[in-house]
PDB file of all heavy atoms in Angstrom:
ATOM      1  N   ARG A   1      42.839  52.995 -74.890  1.00  0.00           N
ATOM      2  CA  ARG A   1      43.445  54.267 -74.473  1.00  0.00           C
ATOM      3  C   ARG A   1      44.185  54.114 -73.156  1.00  0.00           C
ATOM      4  O   ARG A   1      45.252  54.697 -72.949  1.00  0.00           O
ATOM      5  CB  ARG A   1      42.367  55.351 -74.328  1.00  0.00           C
ATOM      6  CG  ARG A   1      42.931  56.723 -73.924  1.00  0.00           C
ATOM      7  CD  ARG A   1      43.799  57.284 -75.032  1.00  0.00           C
ATOM      8  NE  ARG A   1      44.586  58.433 -74.596  1.00  0.00           N
ATOM      9  CZ  ARG A   1      45.820  58.369 -74.143  1.00  0.00           C
ATOM     10  NH1 ARG A   1      46.443  57.195 -74.034  1.00  0.00           N
ATOM     11  NH2 ARG A   1      46.473  59.444 -73.794  1.00  0.00           N
ATOM     12  N   GLU A   2      43.624  53.344 -72.229  1.00  0.00           N
ATOM     13  CA  GLU A   2      44.217  53.235 -70.901  1.00  0.00           C
ATOM     14  C   GLU A   2      45.402  52.282 -70.844  1.00  0.00           C
ATOM     15  O   GLU A   2      46.339  52.503 -70.063  1.00  0.00           O
ATOM     16  CB  GLU A   2      43.156  52.785 -69.887  1.00  0.00           C
ATOM     17  CG  GLU A   2      41.978  53.730 -69.729  1.00  0.00           C
ATOM     18  CD  GLU A   2      42.352  55.081 -69.131  1.00  0.00           C
ATOM     19  OE1 GLU A   2      43.524  55.295 -68.806  1.00  0.00           O
ATOM     20  OE2 GLU A   2      41.460  55.929 -69.002  1.00  0.00           O
ATOM     21  N   THR A   3      45.375  51.207 -71.629  1.00  0.00           N
ATOM     22  CA  THR A   3      46.417  50.181 -71.499  1.00  0.00           C
ATOM     23  C   THR A   3      47.165  49.871 -72.789  1.00  0.00           C
ATOM     24  O   THR A   3      48.090  49.069 -72.762  1.00  0.00           O
ATOM     25  CB  THR A   3      45.810  48.857 -71.000  1.00  0.00           C
ATOM     26  OG1 THR A   3      45.083  48.231 -72.073  1.00  0.00           O
ATOM     27  CG2 THR A   3      44.883  49.061 -69.822  1.00  0.00           C
ATOM     28  N   ALA A   4      46.765  50.509 -73.916  1.00  0.00           N
ATOM     29  CA  ALA A   4      47.316  50.120 -75.219  1.00  0.00           C
ATOM     30  C   ALA A   4      47.195  48.610 -75.402  1.00  0.00           C
ATOM     31  O   ALA A   4      48.105  47.936 -75.867  1.00  0.00           O
ATOM     32  CB  ALA A   4      48.759  50.592 -75.396  1.00  0.00           C
ATOM     33  N   TYR A   5      46.037  48.076 -74.987  1.00  0.00           N
ATOM     34  CA  TYR A   5      45.713  46.645 -75.073  1.00  0.00           C
ATOM     35  C   TYR A   5      46.736  45.768 -74.362  1.00  0.00           C
ATOM     36  O   TYR A   5      47.179  44.752 -74.859  1.00  0.00           O
ATOM     37  CB  TYR A   5      45.482  46.233 -76.521  1.00  0.00           C
ATOM     38  CG  TYR A   5      44.310  46.986 -77.096  1.00  0.00           C
ATOM     39  CD1 TYR A   5      44.498  48.017 -77.992  1.00  0.00           C
ATOM     40  CD2 TYR A   5      43.014  46.711 -76.666  1.00  0.00           C
ATOM     41  CE1 TYR A   5      43.414  48.754 -78.466  1.00  0.00           C
ATOM     42  CE2 TYR A   5      41.934  47.442 -77.127  1.00  0.00           C
ATOM     43  CZ  TYR A   5      42.143  48.465 -78.023  1.00  0.00           C
ATOM     44  OH  TYR A   5      41.065  49.200 -78.469  1.00  0.00           O
ATOM     45  N   GLY A   6      47.114  46.234 -73.162  1.00  0.00           N
ATOM     46  CA  GLY A   6      47.954  45.433 -72.284  1.00  0.00           C
ATOM     47  C   GLY A   6      49.431  45.765 -72.303  1.00  0.00           C
ATOM     48  O   GLY A   6      50.173  45.283 -71.445  1.00  0.00           O
ATOM     49  N   SER A   7      49.866  46.601 -73.239  1.00  0.00           N
ATOM     50  CA  SER A   7      51.307  46.869 -73.334  1.00  0.00           C
ATOM     51  C   SER A   7      51.769  47.946 -72.352  1.00  0.00           C
ATOM     52  O   SER A   7      52.951  48.029 -72.027  1.00  0.00           O
ATOM     53  CB  SER A   7      51.671  47.290 -74.761  1.00  0.00           C
ATOM     54  OG  SER A   7      51.056  48.520 -75.101  1.00  0.00           O
ATOM     55  N   HIS A   8      50.850  48.769 -71.870  1.00  0.00           N
ATOM     56  CA  HIS A   8      51.232  49.826 -70.933  1.00  0.00           C
ATOM     57  C   HIS A   8      51.067  49.336 -69.500  1.00  0.00           C
ATOM     58  O   HIS A   8      50.009  48.830 -69.124  1.00  0.00           O
ATOM     59  CB  HIS A   8      50.372  51.073 -71.134  1.00  0.00           C
ATOM     60  CG  HIS A   8      50.615  52.150 -70.118  1.00  0.00           C
ATOM     61  ND1 HIS A   8      51.805  52.826 -70.036  1.00  0.00           N
ATOM     62  CD2 HIS A   8      49.829  52.637 -69.122  1.00  0.00           C
ATOM     63  CE1 HIS A   8      51.743  53.701 -69.042  1.00  0.00           C
ATOM     64  NE2 HIS A   8      50.555  53.601 -68.472  1.00  0.00           N
ATOM     65  N   LYS A   9      52.105  49.471 -68.699  1.00  0.00           N
ATOM     66  CA  LYS A   9      52.072  49.065 -67.307  1.00  0.00           C
ATOM     67  C   LYS A   9      52.179  50.302 -66.417  1.00  0.00           C
ATOM     68  O   LYS A   9      52.980  51.210 -66.683  1.00  0.00           O
ATOM     69  CB  LYS A   9      53.222  48.099 -66.993  1.00  0.00           C
ATOM     70  CG  LYS A   9      53.267  46.865 -67.892  1.00  0.00           C
ATOM     71  CD  LYS A   9      52.010  46.023 -67.776  1.00  0.00           C
ATOM     72  CE  LYS A   9      52.091  44.788 -68.672  1.00  0.00           C
ATOM     73  NZ  LYS A   9      50.821  44.006 -68.657  1.00  0.00           N
ATOM     74  N   LEU A  10      51.384  50.345 -65.376  1.00  0.00           N
ATOM     75  CA  LEU A  10      51.393  51.483 -64.463  1.00  0.00           C
ATOM     76  C   LEU A  10      52.709  51.513 -63.691  1.00  0.00           C
ATOM     77  O   LEU A  10      53.091  50.515 -63.079  1.00  0.00           O
ATOM     78  CB  LEU A  10      50.197  51.391 -63.516  1.00  0.00           C
ATOM     79  CG  LEU A  10      48.838  51.518 -64.218  1.00  0.00           C
ATOM     80  CD1 LEU A  10      47.706  51.209 -63.255  1.00  0.00           C
ATOM     81  CD2 LEU A  10      48.673  52.913 -64.803  1.00  0.00           C
ATOM     82  N   PRO A  11      53.402  52.661 -63.664  1.00  0.00           N
ATOM     83  CA  PRO A  11      54.782  52.682 -63.179  1.00  0.00           C
ATOM     84  C   PRO A  11      54.978  53.008 -61.704  1.00  0.00           C
ATOM     85  O   PRO A  11      56.074  52.834 -61.181  1.00  0.00           O
ATOM     86  CB  PRO A  11      55.409  53.790 -64.032  1.00  0.00           C
ATOM     87  CG  PRO A  11      54.274  54.741 -64.283  1.00  0.00           C
ATOM     88  CD  PRO A  11      53.027  53.896 -64.375  1.00  0.00           C
ATOM     89  N   HIS A  12      53.947  53.517 -61.015  1.00  0.00           N
ATOM     90  CA  HIS A  12      54.156  54.071 -59.682  1.00  0.00           C
ATOM     91  C   HIS A  12      53.449  53.271 -58.591  1.00  0.00           C
ATOM     92  O   HIS A  12      52.477  52.566 -58.852  1.00  0.00           O
ATOM     93  CB  HIS A  12      53.649  55.515 -59.627  1.00  0.00           C
ATOM     94  CG  HIS A  12      54.318  56.443 -60.582  1.00  0.00           C
ATOM     95  ND1 HIS A  12      55.605  56.889 -60.415  1.00  0.00           N
ATOM     96  CD2 HIS A  12      53.874  57.019 -61.729  1.00  0.00           C
ATOM     97  CE1 HIS A  12      55.926  57.707 -61.410  1.00  0.00           C
ATOM     98  NE2 HIS A  12      54.895  57.791 -62.223  1.00  0.00           N
ATOM     99  N   ASP A  13      53.916  53.446 -57.358  1.00  0.00           N
ATOM    100  CA  ASP A  13      53.205  52.940 -56.187  1.00  0.00           C
ATOM    101  C   ASP A  13      52.088  53.923 -55.859  1.00  0.00           C
ATOM    102  O   ASP A  13      52.345  55.120 -55.638  1.00  0.00           O
ATOM    103  CB  ASP A  13      54.163  52.817 -55.005  1.00  0.00           C
ATOM    104  CG  ASP A  13      53.435  52.474 -53.719  1.00  0.00           C
ATOM    105  OD1 ASP A  13      52.880  51.365 -53.626  1.00  0.00           O
ATOM    106  OD2 ASP A  13      53.401  53.338 -52.813  1.00  0.00           O
ATOM    107  N   ALA A  14      50.856  53.445 -55.814  1.00  0.00           N
ATOM    108  CA  ALA A  14      49.701  54.335 -55.657  1.00  0.00           C
ATOM    109  C   ALA A  14      49.739  55.101 -54.343  1.00  0.00           C
ATOM    110  O   ALA A  14      49.409  56.299 -54.308  1.00  0.00           O
ATOM    111  CB  ALA A  14      48.408  53.529 -55.761  1.00  0.00           C
ATOM    112  N   ILE A  15      50.116  54.443 -53.256  1.00  0.00           N
ATOM    113  CA  ILE A  15      50.125  55.118 -51.952  1.00  0.00           C
ATOM    114  C   ILE A  15      51.125  56.269 -51.951  1.00  0.00           C
ATOM    115  O   ILE A  15      50.829  57.380 -51.497  1.00  0.00           O
ATOM    116  CB  ILE A  15      50.450  54.117 -50.824  1.00  0.00           C
ATOM    117  CG1 ILE A  15      49.399  53.000 -50.787  1.00  0.00           C
ATOM    118  CG2 ILE A  15      50.529  54.834 -49.485  1.00  0.00           C
ATOM    119  CD1 ILE A  15      47.973  53.460 -50.565  1.00  0.00           C
ATOM    120  N   ARG A  16      52.300  56.027 -52.507  1.00  0.00           N
ATOM    121  CA  ARG A  16      53.308  57.087 -52.541  1.00  0.00           C
ATOM    122  C   ARG A  16      52.853  58.253 -53.418  1.00  0.00           C
ATOM    123  O   ARG A  16      52.992  59.427 -53.047  1.00  0.00           O
ATOM    124  CB  ARG A  16      54.630  56.524 -53.061  1.00  0.00           C
ATOM    125  CG  ARG A  16      55.788  57.519 -52.940  1.00  0.00           C
ATOM    126  CD  ARG A  16      57.071  56.990 -53.531  1.00  0.00           C
ATOM    127  NE  ARG A  16      58.186  57.857 -53.197  1.00  0.00           N
ATOM    128  CZ  ARG A  16      59.336  57.915 -53.872  1.00  0.00           C
ATOM    129  NH1 ARG A  16      59.514  57.104 -54.918  1.00  0.00           N
ATOM    130  NH2 ARG A  16      60.289  58.734 -53.503  1.00  0.00           N
ATOM    131  N   VAL A  17      52.295  57.945 -54.590  1.00  0.00           N
ATOM    132  CA  VAL A  17      51.826  58.982 -55.515  1.00  0.00           C
ATOM    133  C   VAL A  17      50.732  59.825 -54.870  1.00  0.00           C
ATOM    134  O   VAL A  17      50.787  61.063 -54.860  1.00  0.00           O
ATOM    135  CB  VAL A  17      51.308  58.344 -56.821  1.00  0.00           C
ATOM    136  CG1 VAL A  17      50.458  59.334 -57.599  1.00  0.00           C
ATOM    137  CG2 VAL A  17      52.466  57.870 -57.672  1.00  0.00           C
ATOM    138  N   LEU A  18      49.712  59.166 -54.351  1.00  0.00           N
ATOM    139  CA  LEU A  18      48.560  59.889 -53.812  1.00  0.00           C
ATOM    140  C   LEU A  18      48.942  60.694 -52.577  1.00  0.00           C
ATOM    141  O   LEU A  18      48.472  61.831 -52.398  1.00  0.00           O
ATOM    142  CB  LEU A  18      47.440  58.903 -53.485  1.00  0.00           C
ATOM    143  CG  LEU A  18      46.813  58.219 -54.702  1.00  0.00           C
ATOM    144  CD1 LEU A  18      45.929  57.055 -54.269  1.00  0.00           C
ATOM    145  CD2 LEU A  18      46.011  59.214 -55.539  1.00  0.00           C
ATOM    146  N   ALA A  19      49.794  60.118 -51.723  1.00  0.00           N
ATOM    147  CA  ALA A  19      50.221  60.852 -50.542  1.00  0.00           C
ATOM    148  C   ALA A  19      51.046  62.075 -50.930  1.00  0.00           C
ATOM    149  O   ALA A  19      50.884  63.158 -50.348  1.00  0.00           O
ATOM    150  CB  ALA A  19      51.019  59.937 -49.619  1.00  0.00           C
ATOM    151  N   THR A  20      51.928  61.923 -51.910  1.00  0.00           N
ATOM    152  CA  THR A  20      52.738  63.063 -52.358  1.00  0.00           C
ATOM    153  C   THR A  20      51.853  64.165 -52.918  1.00  0.00           C
ATOM    154  O   THR A  20      52.032  65.351 -52.597  1.00  0.00           O
ATOM    155  CB  THR A  20      53.759  62.618 -53.422  1.00  0.00           C
ATOM    156  OG1 THR A  20      54.606  61.608 -52.883  1.00  0.00           O
ATOM    157  CG2 THR A  20      54.606  63.794 -53.882  1.00  0.00           C
ATOM    158  N   GLN A  21      50.886  63.792 -53.760  1.00  0.00           N
ATOM    159  CA  GLN A  21      49.990  64.796 -54.342  1.00  0.00           C
ATOM    160  C   GLN A  21      49.149  65.471 -53.266  1.00  0.00           C
ATOM    161  O   GLN A  21      48.884  66.678 -53.340  1.00  0.00           O
ATOM    162  CB  GLN A  21      49.086  64.139 -55.398  1.00  0.00           C
ATOM    163  CG  GLN A  21      49.801  63.637 -56.643  1.00  0.00           C
ATOM    164  CD  GLN A  21      50.273  64.752 -57.561  1.00  0.00           C
ATOM    165  OE1 GLN A  21      50.035  65.933 -57.310  1.00  0.00           O
ATOM    166  NE2 GLN A  21      50.953  64.374 -58.641  1.00  0.00           N
ATOM    167  N   ALA A  22      48.723  64.720 -52.257  1.00  0.00           N
ATOM    168  CA  ALA A  22      47.946  65.310 -51.167  1.00  0.00           C
ATOM    169  C   ALA A  22      48.819  66.186 -50.262  1.00  0.00           C
ATOM    170  O   ALA A  22      48.335  67.132 -49.644  1.00  0.00           O
ATOM    171  CB  ALA A  22      47.289  64.210 -50.341  1.00  0.00           C
ATOM    172  N   PHE A  23      50.105  65.882 -50.204  1.00  0.00           N
ATOM    173  CA  PHE A  23      51.052  66.611 -49.359  1.00  0.00           C
ATOM    174  C   PHE A  23      51.460  67.938 -49.990  1.00  0.00           C
ATOM    175  O   PHE A  23      51.441  68.983 -49.337  1.00  0.00           O
ATOM    176  CB  PHE A  23      52.275  65.727 -49.111  1.00  0.00           C
ATOM    177  CG  PHE A  23      53.414  66.390 -48.389  1.00  0.00           C
ATOM    178  CD1 PHE A  23      53.232  66.970 -47.142  1.00  0.00           C
ATOM    179  CD2 PHE A  23      54.681  66.410 -48.955  1.00  0.00           C
ATOM    180  CE1 PHE A  23      54.297  67.578 -46.471  1.00  0.00           C
ATOM    181  CE2 PHE A  23      55.751  67.007 -48.301  1.00  0.00           C
ATOM    182  CZ  PHE A  23      55.557  67.596 -47.048  1.00  0.00           C
ATOM    183  N   THR A  24      51.792  67.898 -51.277  1.00  0.00           N
ATOM    184  CA  THR A  24      52.350  69.102 -51.895  1.00  0.00           C
ATOM    185  C   THR A  24      51.927  69.283 -53.348  1.00  0.00           C
ATOM    186  O   THR A  24      52.596  69.967 -54.107  1.00  0.00           O
ATOM    187  CB  THR A  24      53.895  69.107 -51.779  1.00  0.00           C
ATOM    188  OG1 THR A  24      54.404  70.384 -52.140  1.00  0.00           O
ATOM    189  CG2 THR A  24      54.509  68.015 -52.651  1.00  0.00           C
ATOM    190  N   GLY A  25      50.811  68.662 -53.738  1.00  0.00           N
ATOM    191  CA  GLY A  25      50.325  68.815 -55.109  1.00  0.00           C
ATOM    192  C   GLY A  25      49.490  70.073 -55.280  1.00  0.00           C
ATOM    193  O   GLY A  25      49.113  70.742 -54.313  1.00  0.00           O
ATOM    194  N   ARG A  26      49.184  70.374 -56.524  1.00  0.00           N
ATOM    195  CA  ARG A  26      48.375  71.564 -56.831  1.00  0.00           C
ATOM    196  C   ARG A  26      46.933  71.384 -56.378  1.00  0.00           C
ATOM    197  O   ARG A  26      46.228  72.351 -56.116  1.00  0.00           O
ATOM    198  CB  ARG A  26      48.437  71.834 -58.347  1.00  0.00           C
ATOM    199  CG  ARG A  26      47.738  73.100 -58.795  1.00  0.00           C
ATOM    200  CD  ARG A  26      47.958  73.338 -60.278  1.00  0.00           C
ATOM    201  NE  ARG A  26      47.481  72.222 -61.076  1.00  0.00           N
ATOM    202  CZ  ARG A  26      46.209  72.075 -61.465  1.00  0.00           C
ATOM    203  NH1 ARG A  26      45.306  72.951 -61.100  1.00  0.00           N
ATOM    204  NH2 ARG A  26      45.855  71.051 -62.213  1.00  0.00           N
ATOM    205  N   ARG A  27      46.470  70.117 -56.281  1.00  0.00           N
ATOM    206  CA  ARG A  27      45.078  69.849 -55.883  1.00  0.00           C
ATOM    207  C   ARG A  27      45.069  68.998 -54.606  1.00  0.00           C
ATOM    208  O   ARG A  27      44.584  67.871 -54.583  1.00  0.00           O
ATOM    209  CB  ARG A  27      44.349  69.133 -57.028  1.00  0.00           C
ATOM    210  CG  ARG A  27      44.217  69.976 -58.288  1.00  0.00           C
ATOM    211  CD  ARG A  27      43.663  69.148 -59.443  1.00  0.00           C
ATOM    212  NE  ARG A  27      44.653  68.206 -59.945  1.00  0.00           N
ATOM    213  CZ  ARG A  27      44.350  67.122 -60.653  1.00  0.00           C
ATOM    214  NH1 ARG A  27      43.085  66.825 -60.911  1.00  0.00           N
ATOM    215  NH2 ARG A  27      45.298  66.326 -61.104  1.00  0.00           N
ATOM    216  N   LYS A  28      45.595  69.567 -53.541  1.00  0.00           N
ATOM    217  CA  LYS A  28      45.782  68.823 -52.293  1.00  0.00           C
ATOM    218  C   LYS A  28      44.475  68.240 -51.763  1.00  0.00           C
ATOM    219  O   LYS A  28      44.439  67.083 -51.325  1.00  0.00           O
ATOM    220  CB  LYS A  28      46.392  69.731 -51.230  1.00  0.00           C
ATOM    221  CG  LYS A  28      47.824  70.146 -51.474  1.00  0.00           C
ATOM    222  CD  LYS A  28      48.304  71.023 -50.330  1.00  0.00           C
ATOM    223  CE  LYS A  28      49.745  71.474 -50.539  1.00  0.00           C
ATOM    224  NZ  LYS A  28      50.204  72.324 -49.411  1.00  0.00           N
ATOM    225  N   ASP A  29      43.421  69.040 -51.747  1.00  0.00           N
ATOM    226  CA  ASP A  29      42.164  68.590 -51.145  1.00  0.00           C
ATOM    227  C   ASP A  29      41.596  67.380 -51.882  1.00  0.00           C
ATOM    228  O   ASP A  29      41.094  66.435 -51.258  1.00  0.00           O
ATOM    229  CB  ASP A  29      41.141  69.723 -51.125  1.00  0.00           C
ATOM    230  CG  ASP A  29      41.531  70.842 -50.170  1.00  0.00           C
ATOM    231  OD1 ASP A  29      42.402  70.609 -49.313  1.00  0.00           O
ATOM    232  OD2 ASP A  29      40.977  71.957 -50.289  1.00  0.00           O
ATOM    233  N   GLU A  30      41.656  67.407 -53.224  1.00  0.00           N
ATOM    234  CA  GLU A  30      41.162  66.279 -54.011  1.00  0.00           C
ATOM    235  C   GLU A  30      41.963  65.018 -53.703  1.00  0.00           C
ATOM    236  O   GLU A  30      41.398  63.926 -53.521  1.00  0.00           O
ATOM    237  CB  GLU A  30      41.262  66.591 -55.504  1.00  0.00           C
ATOM    238  CG  GLU A  30      40.340  67.695 -55.983  1.00  0.00           C
ATOM    239  CD  GLU A  30      40.553  67.996 -57.452  1.00  0.00           C
ATOM    240  OE1 GLU A  30      40.847  67.052 -58.213  1.00  0.00           O
ATOM    241  OE2 GLU A  30      40.443  69.173 -57.847  1.00  0.00           O
ATOM    242  N   PHE A  31      43.266  65.162 -53.640  1.00  0.00           N
ATOM    243  CA  PHE A  31      44.112  63.986 -53.439  1.00  0.00           C
ATOM    244  C   PHE A  31      44.073  63.481 -52.001  1.00  0.00           C
ATOM    245  O   PHE A  31      44.354  62.303 -51.756  1.00  0.00           O
ATOM    246  CB  PHE A  31      45.536  64.266 -53.902  1.00  0.00           C
ATOM    247  CG  PHE A  31      45.703  64.133 -55.388  1.00  0.00           C
ATOM    248  CD1 PHE A  31      45.775  65.250 -56.197  1.00  0.00           C
ATOM    249  CD2 PHE A  31      45.743  62.881 -55.972  1.00  0.00           C
ATOM    250  CE1 PHE A  31      45.902  65.130 -57.574  1.00  0.00           C
ATOM    251  CE2 PHE A  31      45.873  62.746 -57.348  1.00  0.00           C
ATOM    252  CZ  PHE A  31      45.947  63.869 -58.146  1.00  0.00           C
TER     253      PHE A  31
END
């Protein structure tokens, strides 16, 4: 489910994603 047995690659930079969600996401406190 998570990787389609290796064919799915994660597309984003984690620091940028998490910081953006914490900055202006719907669940700021969680992020």
